[in-house]
N, C-alpha and C. Protein backbone atom coordinates (compact mmCIF):
# COMPACT_ATOMS: atom_id res chain seq x y z
N UNK A 1 -63.25 17.42 -12.85
CA UNK A 1 -62.99 16.01 -12.50
C UNK A 1 -62.19 15.17 -13.64
N UNK A 2 -62.88 15.47 -14.80
CA UNK A 2 -62.26 14.72 -15.98
C UNK A 2 -61.03 15.47 -16.39
N UNK A 3 -60.88 16.73 -16.24
CA UNK A 3 -59.74 17.56 -16.59
C UNK A 3 -58.50 17.19 -15.78
N UNK A 4 -58.89 17.04 -14.29
CA UNK A 4 -57.81 16.56 -13.33
C UNK A 4 -57.26 15.32 -13.58
N UNK A 5 -58.14 14.27 -13.94
CA UNK A 5 -57.65 12.92 -14.42
C UNK A 5 -56.88 12.90 -15.61
N UNK A 6 -57.27 13.69 -16.57
CA UNK A 6 -56.48 13.82 -17.72
C UNK A 6 -55.06 14.41 -17.52
N UNK A 7 -55.01 15.33 -16.63
CA UNK A 7 -53.69 15.98 -16.34
C UNK A 7 -52.78 14.99 -15.57
N UNK A 8 -53.54 14.22 -14.62
CA UNK A 8 -52.58 13.14 -14.01
C UNK A 8 -52.21 12.20 -14.90
N UNK A 9 -52.93 11.71 -15.79
CA UNK A 9 -52.54 10.80 -16.70
C UNK A 9 -51.29 11.30 -17.59
N UNK A 10 -51.44 12.54 -17.98
CA UNK A 10 -50.37 13.09 -18.70
C UNK A 10 -49.12 13.14 -17.98
N UNK A 11 -49.29 13.70 -16.80
CA UNK A 11 -48.11 13.63 -15.92
C UNK A 11 -47.47 12.24 -15.74
N UNK A 12 -48.22 11.23 -15.52
CA UNK A 12 -47.65 9.89 -15.43
C UNK A 12 -46.98 9.56 -16.69
N UNK A 13 -47.55 9.80 -17.83
CA UNK A 13 -46.95 9.56 -19.08
C UNK A 13 -45.57 10.11 -19.28
N UNK A 14 -45.54 11.46 -18.87
CA UNK A 14 -44.26 12.15 -19.06
C UNK A 14 -43.19 11.58 -18.11
N UNK A 15 -43.52 11.23 -16.89
CA UNK A 15 -42.61 10.68 -15.91
C UNK A 15 -42.15 9.33 -16.28
N UNK A 16 -43.01 8.55 -16.88
CA UNK A 16 -42.55 7.22 -17.50
C UNK A 16 -41.83 7.45 -18.66
N UNK A 17 -42.09 8.30 -19.47
CA UNK A 17 -41.23 8.62 -20.73
C UNK A 17 -39.71 9.00 -20.24
N UNK A 18 -39.61 9.87 -19.21
CA UNK A 18 -38.37 10.39 -18.72
C UNK A 18 -37.53 9.08 -18.06
N UNK A 19 -38.37 8.26 -17.46
CA UNK A 19 -37.82 7.27 -16.76
C UNK A 19 -37.09 6.19 -17.90
N UNK A 20 -37.93 5.95 -18.95
CA UNK A 20 -37.54 5.08 -20.02
C UNK A 20 -36.28 5.72 -20.69
N UNK A 21 -36.28 7.04 -20.91
CA UNK A 21 -35.18 7.75 -21.57
C UNK A 21 -33.86 7.62 -20.76
N UNK A 22 -34.15 7.54 -19.39
CA UNK A 22 -32.87 7.46 -18.51
C UNK A 22 -32.32 6.21 -18.65
N UNK A 23 -33.25 5.14 -18.71
CA UNK A 23 -32.81 3.55 -18.91
C UNK A 23 -32.06 3.47 -20.11
N UNK A 24 -32.69 4.11 -21.28
CA UNK A 24 -32.04 4.02 -22.58
C UNK A 24 -30.63 4.58 -22.67
N UNK A 25 -30.44 5.72 -22.08
CA UNK A 25 -29.03 6.21 -21.97
C UNK A 25 -28.12 5.75 -21.05
N UNK A 26 -28.54 4.90 -20.06
CA UNK A 26 -27.69 4.34 -19.08
C UNK A 26 -26.66 3.31 -19.85
N UNK A 27 -25.41 3.19 -19.56
CA UNK A 27 -24.47 2.32 -20.22
C UNK A 27 -24.97 0.90 -19.90
N UNK A 28 -24.70 -0.16 -20.85
CA UNK A 28 -25.04 -1.38 -20.52
C UNK A 28 -24.25 -2.02 -19.37
N UNK A 29 -22.94 -1.59 -19.32
CA UNK A 29 -22.06 -2.14 -18.35
C UNK A 29 -22.60 -1.74 -16.98
N UNK A 30 -23.26 -0.58 -16.78
CA UNK A 30 -23.74 -0.11 -15.51
C UNK A 30 -24.79 -0.96 -14.94
N UNK A 31 -25.46 -1.52 -15.74
CA UNK A 31 -26.65 -2.35 -15.36
C UNK A 31 -26.32 -3.86 -15.15
N UNK A 32 -25.24 -4.29 -15.54
CA UNK A 32 -24.98 -5.78 -15.41
C UNK A 32 -24.45 -5.97 -13.95
N UNK A 33 -25.25 -6.94 -13.36
CA UNK A 33 -24.66 -7.27 -11.92
C UNK A 33 -24.13 -8.67 -11.74
N UNK A 34 -23.73 -9.33 -12.90
CA UNK A 34 -23.06 -10.59 -12.88
C UNK A 34 -21.92 -10.64 -13.81
N UNK A 35 -20.88 -11.44 -13.64
CA UNK A 35 -19.79 -11.65 -14.35
C UNK A 35 -20.17 -11.90 -15.98
N UNK A 36 -19.42 -11.35 -16.80
CA UNK A 36 -19.56 -11.58 -18.31
C UNK A 36 -18.32 -11.69 -18.96
N UNK A 37 -18.29 -12.20 -20.07
CA UNK A 37 -17.12 -12.19 -21.01
C UNK A 37 -17.33 -11.27 -22.16
N UNK A 38 -16.46 -10.34 -22.21
CA UNK A 38 -16.42 -9.55 -23.38
C UNK A 38 -15.13 -8.93 -23.62
N UNK A 39 -14.89 -8.69 -24.99
CA UNK A 39 -13.40 -8.21 -25.28
C UNK A 39 -13.57 -6.65 -25.53
N UNK A 40 -14.64 -6.02 -25.22
CA UNK A 40 -14.80 -4.66 -25.50
C UNK A 40 -15.16 -3.82 -24.38
N UNK A 41 -14.94 -4.24 -23.16
CA UNK A 41 -15.45 -3.65 -22.00
C UNK A 41 -14.44 -2.42 -21.64
N UNK A 42 -15.09 -1.17 -21.44
CA UNK A 42 -14.08 0.04 -21.13
C UNK A 42 -13.55 -0.17 -19.94
N UNK A 43 -12.29 0.36 -19.72
CA UNK A 43 -11.67 0.29 -18.43
C UNK A 43 -11.24 1.90 -18.02
N UNK A 44 -11.78 2.34 -17.01
CA UNK A 44 -11.59 3.59 -16.27
C UNK A 44 -12.15 4.77 -17.21
N UNK A 45 -12.34 4.65 -18.48
CA UNK A 45 -12.95 5.62 -19.26
C UNK A 45 -13.46 5.13 -20.57
N UNK A 46 -14.49 5.84 -21.19
CA UNK A 46 -15.09 5.23 -22.48
C UNK A 46 -14.11 5.29 -23.58
N UNK A 47 -12.85 6.05 -23.62
CA UNK A 47 -11.91 6.06 -24.50
C UNK A 47 -11.05 4.79 -24.41
N UNK A 48 -11.01 4.33 -23.31
CA UNK A 48 -10.15 3.00 -23.13
C UNK A 48 -11.09 1.75 -23.21
N UNK A 49 -11.47 1.60 -24.38
CA UNK A 49 -12.36 0.46 -24.77
C UNK A 49 -11.65 -0.42 -25.78
N UNK A 50 -11.14 -1.57 -25.52
CA UNK A 50 -10.48 -2.45 -26.50
C UNK A 50 -11.36 -2.68 -27.62
N UNK A 51 -10.90 -2.53 -28.81
CA UNK A 51 -11.66 -2.89 -30.10
C UNK A 51 -11.29 -4.11 -30.75
N UNK A 52 -10.11 -4.59 -30.35
CA UNK A 52 -9.65 -5.99 -30.91
C UNK A 52 -9.26 -6.90 -29.81
N UNK A 53 -9.05 -8.15 -30.10
CA UNK A 53 -8.64 -8.99 -29.05
C UNK A 53 -7.29 -8.70 -28.55
N UNK A 54 -6.35 -8.23 -29.42
CA UNK A 54 -5.00 -7.82 -28.96
C UNK A 54 -5.05 -6.74 -28.04
N UNK A 55 -5.99 -5.65 -28.23
CA UNK A 55 -5.99 -4.61 -27.31
C UNK A 55 -6.65 -5.05 -25.94
N UNK A 56 -7.51 -5.99 -26.14
CA UNK A 56 -8.16 -6.60 -24.87
C UNK A 56 -7.06 -7.31 -24.02
N UNK A 57 -6.14 -8.13 -24.75
CA UNK A 57 -5.11 -8.76 -24.18
C UNK A 57 -4.07 -7.84 -23.44
N UNK A 58 -3.86 -6.71 -24.17
CA UNK A 58 -3.03 -5.67 -23.61
C UNK A 58 -3.43 -5.07 -22.31
N UNK A 59 -4.74 -4.68 -22.36
CA UNK A 59 -5.35 -4.30 -21.09
C UNK A 59 -5.31 -5.27 -19.93
N UNK A 60 -5.51 -6.55 -20.28
CA UNK A 60 -5.38 -7.62 -19.27
C UNK A 60 -3.93 -7.63 -18.69
N UNK A 61 -2.93 -7.45 -19.57
CA UNK A 61 -1.51 -7.47 -19.15
C UNK A 61 -1.18 -6.25 -18.29
N UNK A 62 -1.97 -5.11 -18.71
CA UNK A 62 -1.65 -3.94 -17.89
C UNK A 62 -2.30 -4.24 -16.38
N UNK A 63 -3.41 -4.75 -16.21
CA UNK A 63 -3.99 -5.12 -15.01
C UNK A 63 -2.96 -6.03 -14.19
N UNK A 64 -2.44 -6.99 -14.89
CA UNK A 64 -1.55 -8.00 -14.09
C UNK A 64 -0.37 -7.14 -13.64
N UNK A 65 0.19 -6.32 -14.46
CA UNK A 65 1.31 -5.51 -13.90
C UNK A 65 0.93 -4.65 -12.81
N UNK A 66 -0.21 -3.97 -12.85
CA UNK A 66 -0.69 -3.05 -11.88
C UNK A 66 -0.99 -3.89 -10.56
N UNK A 67 -1.30 -5.08 -10.61
CA UNK A 67 -1.54 -5.98 -9.44
C UNK A 67 -0.11 -6.36 -8.87
N UNK A 68 0.86 -6.63 -9.73
CA UNK A 68 2.18 -6.74 -9.27
C UNK A 68 2.80 -5.58 -8.50
N UNK A 69 2.56 -4.34 -9.15
CA UNK A 69 3.03 -3.11 -8.44
C UNK A 69 2.43 -2.93 -7.10
N UNK A 70 1.17 -3.30 -7.12
CA UNK A 70 0.41 -3.17 -5.79
C UNK A 70 1.06 -4.02 -4.68
N UNK A 71 1.37 -5.11 -4.92
CA UNK A 71 1.97 -6.10 -3.97
C UNK A 71 3.50 -5.65 -3.72
N UNK A 72 4.13 -5.04 -4.72
CA UNK A 72 5.49 -4.50 -4.44
C UNK A 72 5.39 -3.33 -3.56
N UNK A 73 4.48 -2.47 -3.60
CA UNK A 73 4.31 -1.32 -2.86
C UNK A 73 4.13 -1.81 -1.38
N UNK A 74 3.32 -2.79 -1.18
CA UNK A 74 3.24 -3.36 0.17
C UNK A 74 4.62 -3.78 0.76
N UNK A 75 5.28 -4.50 -0.08
CA UNK A 75 6.56 -4.86 0.36
C UNK A 75 7.50 -3.78 0.68
N UNK A 76 7.46 -2.76 -0.16
CA UNK A 76 8.42 -1.55 0.01
C UNK A 76 8.04 -0.97 1.23
N UNK A 77 6.68 -0.86 1.55
CA UNK A 77 6.32 -0.24 2.80
C UNK A 77 6.88 -0.83 4.09
N UNK A 78 6.78 -2.32 4.02
CA UNK A 78 7.30 -3.03 5.10
C UNK A 78 8.78 -2.83 5.28
N UNK A 79 9.45 -2.87 4.14
CA UNK A 79 10.91 -2.62 4.32
C UNK A 79 11.25 -1.37 4.93
N UNK A 80 10.58 -0.21 4.56
CA UNK A 80 10.88 0.99 4.90
C UNK A 80 10.43 1.23 6.40
N UNK A 81 9.37 0.49 6.89
CA UNK A 81 9.02 0.50 8.32
C UNK A 81 10.11 -0.09 9.04
N UNK A 82 10.72 -1.05 8.62
CA UNK A 82 11.81 -1.70 9.41
C UNK A 82 12.96 -0.73 9.42
N UNK A 83 13.33 -0.07 8.28
CA UNK A 83 14.42 0.75 8.28
C UNK A 83 14.04 1.89 9.19
N UNK A 84 12.88 2.45 9.31
CA UNK A 84 12.61 3.56 10.09
C UNK A 84 12.77 3.10 11.64
N UNK A 85 12.24 1.87 11.85
CA UNK A 85 12.39 1.45 13.20
C UNK A 85 13.83 1.41 13.59
N UNK A 86 14.70 0.84 12.85
CA UNK A 86 16.03 0.75 13.06
C UNK A 86 16.76 2.02 13.29
N UNK A 87 16.29 3.05 12.39
CA UNK A 87 16.79 4.34 12.65
C UNK A 87 16.45 4.97 14.10
N UNK A 88 15.11 4.70 14.36
CA UNK A 88 14.65 5.12 15.59
C UNK A 88 15.31 4.49 16.84
N UNK A 89 15.75 3.26 16.63
CA UNK A 89 16.57 2.53 17.73
C UNK A 89 17.87 3.14 17.81
N UNK A 90 18.48 3.47 16.72
CA UNK A 90 20.04 3.94 16.73
C UNK A 90 19.90 5.50 17.28
N UNK A 91 18.71 6.13 17.10
CA UNK A 91 18.60 7.50 17.56
C UNK A 91 18.43 7.51 19.08
N UNK A 92 18.13 6.41 19.74
CA UNK A 92 17.91 6.50 21.22
C UNK A 92 19.06 5.87 21.91
N UNK A 93 20.17 5.76 21.31
CA UNK A 93 21.44 5.63 21.97
C UNK A 93 22.08 6.74 22.58
N UNK A 94 22.44 6.80 23.80
CA UNK A 94 22.91 7.96 24.52
C UNK A 94 24.28 7.63 25.10
N UNK A 95 25.16 8.58 25.31
CA UNK A 95 26.52 8.48 25.89
C UNK A 95 26.58 9.05 27.21
N UNK A 96 27.21 8.36 28.03
CA UNK A 96 27.33 8.80 29.45
C UNK A 96 28.86 8.56 29.77
N UNK A 97 29.27 9.31 30.71
CA UNK A 97 30.76 9.20 31.24
C UNK A 97 30.92 7.97 31.93
N UNK A 98 32.00 7.30 31.89
CA UNK A 98 32.48 6.11 32.31
C UNK A 98 33.74 6.31 33.10
N UNK A 99 33.81 5.67 34.26
CA UNK A 99 34.90 5.74 35.12
C UNK A 99 36.13 4.85 34.66
N UNK A 100 35.87 3.71 34.03
CA UNK A 100 36.85 2.82 33.71
C UNK A 100 37.13 2.92 32.12
N UNK A 101 38.29 2.70 31.63
CA UNK A 101 38.56 2.66 30.28
C UNK A 101 38.36 1.17 29.86
N UNK A 102 38.50 0.94 28.62
CA UNK A 102 38.28 -0.34 28.12
C UNK A 102 39.39 -1.23 28.50
N UNK A 103 40.57 -0.75 28.52
CA UNK A 103 41.74 -1.62 29.01
C UNK A 103 41.63 -1.95 30.42
N UNK A 104 41.13 -1.09 31.29
CA UNK A 104 40.88 -1.40 32.70
C UNK A 104 39.69 -2.36 32.83
N UNK A 105 38.74 -2.36 32.07
CA UNK A 105 37.57 -3.35 32.19
C UNK A 105 38.10 -4.63 31.58
N UNK A 106 39.00 -4.62 30.72
CA UNK A 106 39.45 -6.04 30.18
C UNK A 106 40.38 -6.59 31.27
N UNK A 107 41.12 -5.77 31.91
CA UNK A 107 42.06 -6.39 32.92
C UNK A 107 41.23 -6.66 34.25
N UNK A 108 40.05 -6.46 34.40
CA UNK A 108 39.28 -6.84 35.45
C UNK A 108 38.86 -8.19 35.45
N UNK A 109 38.57 -8.93 36.65
CA UNK A 109 38.10 -10.28 36.53
C UNK A 109 36.83 -10.46 35.63
N UNK A 110 35.90 -9.64 35.78
CA UNK A 110 34.70 -9.75 34.90
C UNK A 110 34.77 -8.93 33.69
N UNK A 111 35.91 -8.55 33.19
CA UNK A 111 35.95 -7.68 32.07
C UNK A 111 35.37 -8.06 30.82
N UNK A 112 35.39 -9.40 30.67
CA UNK A 112 34.62 -9.89 29.26
C UNK A 112 33.21 -9.56 29.46
N UNK A 113 32.63 -9.74 30.67
CA UNK A 113 31.23 -9.58 30.71
C UNK A 113 30.86 -8.10 30.71
N UNK A 114 31.62 -7.15 31.24
CA UNK A 114 31.51 -5.82 31.09
C UNK A 114 31.56 -5.31 29.71
N UNK A 115 32.81 -5.86 28.93
CA UNK A 115 32.95 -5.44 27.57
C UNK A 115 31.74 -5.93 26.73
N UNK A 116 31.04 -7.01 26.92
CA UNK A 116 30.03 -7.52 26.19
C UNK A 116 28.73 -6.48 26.33
N UNK A 117 28.65 -6.01 27.54
CA UNK A 117 27.55 -5.20 27.85
C UNK A 117 27.63 -3.65 27.42
N UNK A 118 28.93 -3.24 27.47
CA UNK A 118 29.07 -1.84 27.12
C UNK A 118 29.95 -1.56 25.94
N UNK A 119 29.51 -0.78 25.03
CA UNK A 119 30.23 -0.40 23.71
C UNK A 119 31.27 0.69 24.11
N UNK A 120 32.35 0.71 23.35
CA UNK A 120 33.37 1.77 23.60
C UNK A 120 33.35 2.68 22.40
N UNK A 121 33.44 3.93 22.58
CA UNK A 121 33.55 4.86 21.58
C UNK A 121 35.08 5.16 21.32
N UNK A 122 35.46 5.30 20.14
CA UNK A 122 36.89 5.70 19.87
C UNK A 122 36.91 6.91 18.95
N UNK A 123 37.88 7.61 18.99
CA UNK A 123 38.27 8.82 18.09
C UNK A 123 39.61 8.63 17.66
N UNK A 124 39.75 8.27 16.45
CA UNK A 124 41.00 7.93 15.70
C UNK A 124 41.80 6.92 16.52
N UNK A 125 41.12 5.90 16.94
CA UNK A 125 41.71 4.81 17.66
C UNK A 125 42.01 4.99 19.09
N UNK A 126 41.67 6.21 19.63
CA UNK A 126 41.89 6.56 21.11
C UNK A 126 40.53 6.29 21.82
N UNK A 127 40.66 5.45 22.83
CA UNK A 127 39.53 5.08 23.65
C UNK A 127 39.13 6.10 24.47
N UNK A 128 37.76 6.28 24.49
CA UNK A 128 37.23 7.34 25.31
C UNK A 128 36.58 6.81 26.38
N UNK A 129 36.46 7.50 27.58
CA UNK A 129 36.02 6.98 28.85
C UNK A 129 34.41 7.22 28.89
N UNK A 130 33.81 6.58 27.83
CA UNK A 130 32.27 6.60 27.82
C UNK A 130 31.77 5.23 27.52
N UNK A 131 30.55 5.09 27.71
CA UNK A 131 29.76 3.91 27.26
C UNK A 131 28.49 4.23 26.78
N UNK A 132 27.94 3.32 25.90
CA UNK A 132 26.77 3.47 25.24
C UNK A 132 25.53 2.87 25.92
N UNK A 133 24.53 3.46 26.23
CA UNK A 133 23.42 2.90 26.79
C UNK A 133 22.22 2.93 25.84
N UNK A 134 21.30 2.11 25.98
CA UNK A 134 20.16 1.96 24.92
C UNK A 134 18.80 2.43 25.78
N UNK A 135 18.07 3.33 25.16
CA UNK A 135 16.83 3.68 25.74
C UNK A 135 15.75 3.00 25.06
N UNK A 136 14.91 2.13 25.78
CA UNK A 136 13.93 1.43 25.08
C UNK A 136 12.87 2.24 24.32
N UNK A 137 12.38 1.79 23.21
CA UNK A 137 11.47 2.58 22.40
C UNK A 137 10.07 2.36 22.89
N UNK A 138 9.28 3.42 22.89
CA UNK A 138 7.93 3.26 23.27
C UNK A 138 7.01 2.59 22.17
N UNK A 139 5.77 2.37 22.35
CA UNK A 139 4.81 1.77 21.48
C UNK A 139 4.52 2.81 20.32
N UNK A 140 4.48 4.02 20.49
CA UNK A 140 4.24 4.90 19.52
C UNK A 140 5.48 5.95 19.36
N UNK A 141 6.07 5.97 18.21
CA UNK A 141 7.18 6.88 18.11
C UNK A 141 6.84 8.22 17.91
N UNK A 142 7.74 9.29 18.27
CA UNK A 142 7.28 10.60 17.94
C UNK A 142 7.24 11.04 16.41
N UNK A 143 6.40 12.02 16.17
CA UNK A 143 6.24 12.36 14.74
C UNK A 143 7.55 13.07 14.21
N UNK A 144 7.90 12.55 13.14
CA UNK A 144 9.12 13.19 12.41
C UNK A 144 8.79 13.36 11.00
N UNK A 145 9.15 14.56 10.56
CA UNK A 145 8.90 14.88 9.07
C UNK A 145 9.46 13.97 8.13
N UNK A 146 10.77 13.43 8.40
CA UNK A 146 11.49 12.65 7.53
C UNK A 146 10.92 11.11 7.49
N UNK A 147 10.20 10.90 8.44
CA UNK A 147 9.43 9.52 8.44
C UNK A 147 8.02 9.51 8.03
N UNK A 148 7.28 10.35 8.64
CA UNK A 148 5.86 10.37 8.37
C UNK A 148 5.39 10.85 7.03
N UNK A 149 6.19 11.93 6.51
CA UNK A 149 5.73 12.26 5.18
C UNK A 149 6.05 11.26 4.11
N UNK A 150 7.15 10.62 4.08
CA UNK A 150 7.21 9.37 3.05
C UNK A 150 6.20 8.32 3.38
N UNK A 151 5.83 8.15 4.59
CA UNK A 151 4.87 7.02 4.82
C UNK A 151 3.55 7.50 4.34
N UNK A 152 3.16 8.63 4.50
CA UNK A 152 1.80 9.11 4.17
C UNK A 152 1.78 9.12 2.52
N UNK A 153 2.81 9.61 1.94
CA UNK A 153 2.87 9.59 0.45
C UNK A 153 2.81 8.06 -0.10
N UNK A 154 3.49 7.30 0.61
CA UNK A 154 3.46 5.76 0.00
C UNK A 154 2.04 5.22 0.30
N UNK A 155 1.44 5.47 1.26
CA UNK A 155 0.19 4.93 1.62
C UNK A 155 -0.89 5.45 0.74
N UNK A 156 -0.80 6.75 0.25
CA UNK A 156 -1.64 7.35 -0.66
C UNK A 156 -1.40 6.54 -2.00
N UNK A 157 -0.33 6.43 -2.42
CA UNK A 157 -0.13 5.65 -3.60
C UNK A 157 -0.62 4.25 -3.65
N UNK A 158 -0.55 3.64 -2.35
CA UNK A 158 -1.00 2.31 -2.43
C UNK A 158 -2.53 2.31 -2.41
N UNK A 159 -3.23 3.22 -1.75
CA UNK A 159 -4.61 3.30 -1.74
C UNK A 159 -5.05 3.67 -3.18
N UNK A 160 -4.38 4.51 -3.98
CA UNK A 160 -4.85 4.75 -5.27
C UNK A 160 -4.75 3.65 -6.27
N UNK A 161 -3.70 2.88 -6.21
CA UNK A 161 -3.52 1.71 -6.91
C UNK A 161 -4.68 0.71 -6.52
N UNK A 162 -4.81 0.48 -5.29
CA UNK A 162 -5.96 -0.39 -4.83
C UNK A 162 -7.29 -0.20 -5.42
N UNK A 163 -7.57 1.20 -5.43
CA UNK A 163 -8.92 1.70 -5.94
C UNK A 163 -8.94 1.44 -7.48
N UNK A 164 -7.86 1.75 -8.20
CA UNK A 164 -7.85 1.27 -9.53
C UNK A 164 -8.08 -0.15 -9.93
N UNK A 165 -7.58 -0.99 -9.04
CA UNK A 165 -7.72 -2.32 -9.15
C UNK A 165 -9.20 -2.73 -8.77
N UNK A 166 -9.76 -2.03 -7.84
CA UNK A 166 -11.16 -2.32 -7.46
C UNK A 166 -12.10 -1.88 -8.52
N UNK A 167 -11.79 -0.78 -9.26
CA UNK A 167 -12.67 -0.38 -10.41
C UNK A 167 -12.54 -1.37 -11.45
N UNK A 168 -11.45 -2.01 -11.68
CA UNK A 168 -11.32 -2.85 -12.83
C UNK A 168 -12.21 -4.00 -12.52
N UNK A 169 -12.14 -4.51 -11.17
CA UNK A 169 -13.03 -5.71 -10.82
C UNK A 169 -14.45 -5.37 -10.96
N UNK A 170 -14.71 -4.12 -10.58
CA UNK A 170 -16.20 -3.60 -10.53
C UNK A 170 -16.78 -3.67 -11.97
N UNK A 171 -15.95 -3.69 -13.04
CA UNK A 171 -16.48 -3.84 -14.37
C UNK A 171 -17.19 -5.20 -14.64
N UNK A 172 -17.00 -6.22 -13.73
CA UNK A 172 -17.61 -7.57 -13.77
C UNK A 172 -17.12 -8.27 -14.96
N UNK A 173 -16.00 -7.82 -15.53
CA UNK A 173 -15.60 -8.56 -16.76
C UNK A 173 -14.57 -9.61 -16.15
N UNK A 174 -14.80 -10.79 -16.60
CA UNK A 174 -14.03 -12.11 -16.13
C UNK A 174 -12.57 -11.85 -16.41
N UNK A 175 -12.20 -11.41 -17.54
CA UNK A 175 -10.82 -11.26 -17.91
C UNK A 175 -10.09 -10.24 -16.96
N UNK A 176 -10.78 -9.30 -16.73
CA UNK A 176 -10.19 -8.20 -15.98
C UNK A 176 -10.11 -8.68 -14.35
N UNK A 177 -11.01 -9.35 -14.03
CA UNK A 177 -10.96 -9.95 -12.73
C UNK A 177 -9.96 -10.87 -12.56
N UNK A 178 -9.76 -11.89 -13.56
CA UNK A 178 -8.71 -12.80 -13.39
C UNK A 178 -7.40 -12.21 -13.44
N UNK A 179 -7.29 -11.16 -14.31
CA UNK A 179 -5.93 -10.39 -14.37
C UNK A 179 -5.52 -9.92 -13.08
N UNK A 180 -6.52 -9.25 -12.31
CA UNK A 180 -6.15 -8.81 -10.97
C UNK A 180 -5.61 -9.74 -10.09
N UNK A 181 -6.43 -10.99 -10.10
CA UNK A 181 -5.98 -12.11 -9.29
C UNK A 181 -4.55 -12.51 -9.71
N UNK A 182 -4.33 -12.54 -11.00
CA UNK A 182 -2.98 -13.02 -11.36
C UNK A 182 -1.92 -12.19 -10.99
N UNK A 183 -2.11 -10.89 -11.11
CA UNK A 183 -1.11 -9.87 -10.60
C UNK A 183 -0.88 -9.90 -9.14
N UNK A 184 -1.93 -10.33 -8.28
CA UNK A 184 -1.71 -10.37 -6.86
C UNK A 184 -0.89 -11.63 -6.66
N UNK A 185 -1.19 -12.71 -7.36
CA UNK A 185 -0.53 -13.92 -7.15
C UNK A 185 0.97 -13.76 -7.51
N UNK A 186 1.21 -13.41 -8.64
CA UNK A 186 2.65 -13.24 -9.21
C UNK A 186 3.45 -12.21 -8.27
N UNK A 187 2.79 -11.04 -8.01
CA UNK A 187 3.34 -10.04 -7.14
C UNK A 187 3.81 -10.63 -5.73
N UNK A 188 2.99 -11.39 -5.11
CA UNK A 188 3.21 -11.94 -3.86
C UNK A 188 4.09 -13.17 -3.91
N UNK A 189 4.10 -13.85 -4.95
CA UNK A 189 5.10 -14.91 -5.20
C UNK A 189 6.44 -14.27 -5.25
N UNK A 190 6.50 -13.15 -5.89
CA UNK A 190 7.83 -12.51 -6.13
C UNK A 190 8.48 -11.77 -4.79
N UNK A 191 7.63 -11.01 -4.20
CA UNK A 191 8.12 -10.26 -2.97
C UNK A 191 7.38 -10.36 -1.86
N UNK A 192 6.61 -11.48 -1.76
CA UNK A 192 5.82 -11.67 -0.55
C UNK A 192 6.61 -11.87 0.66
N UNK A 193 7.85 -12.44 0.53
CA UNK A 193 8.77 -12.58 1.83
C UNK A 193 9.22 -11.32 2.34
N UNK A 194 9.21 -10.15 1.53
CA UNK A 194 9.54 -8.97 2.04
C UNK A 194 8.58 -8.35 2.87
N UNK A 195 7.25 -8.60 2.43
CA UNK A 195 6.02 -7.85 3.06
C UNK A 195 5.60 -8.71 4.35
N UNK A 196 6.29 -9.85 4.56
CA UNK A 196 5.88 -10.63 5.72
C UNK A 196 6.16 -9.84 7.16
N UNK A 197 5.35 -9.96 7.99
CA UNK A 197 5.45 -9.14 9.29
C UNK A 197 6.40 -9.83 10.15
N UNK A 198 7.43 -9.30 10.54
CA UNK A 198 8.36 -10.00 11.45
C UNK A 198 8.55 -9.16 12.61
N UNK A 199 8.36 -9.76 13.72
CA UNK A 199 8.46 -8.95 15.06
C UNK A 199 9.95 -8.45 15.35
N UNK A 200 9.94 -7.10 15.77
CA UNK A 200 11.21 -6.64 16.04
C UNK A 200 11.85 -7.11 17.26
């Protein structure tokens, strides 16, 4: 009985010793759950730890630039989405035979109205007996390698930069947090108008 109690006590001492050792080896920044001010907080790795105030300021400037790049990537994606949409619209123009030439339509009583509705194709200035019709786009465009691959690559870069900014905020360093916010503000101030969603 006494031997069993002694063994149990020794086991508890060993487990408590291991737990204290784990606490001692845990980085201080991993245990902090509130914002703090420090000029030596590591960023992304232990080797990126500012040793001077100047290095800390340089790290904050890097985060500001990264935040601006993040907003610029959103704006670039929106511009590319508009370009891809316009390309899909142009791709859905079809040519059909027409019985009347442009001159005949212009001579007719309602020629102006017909000319406004139908476009005329020309080859070296010679009018063809065709007209251009527009096929409405569906809600989901078909998969295209030239469109979906760049979109997926751009979204991957956006997600990667977003996670880098999130990791900087998770350090709970006030300077890093304010730098991320400053980058978002400056970036949206510069290119926010391009990222605005405009209905087609």
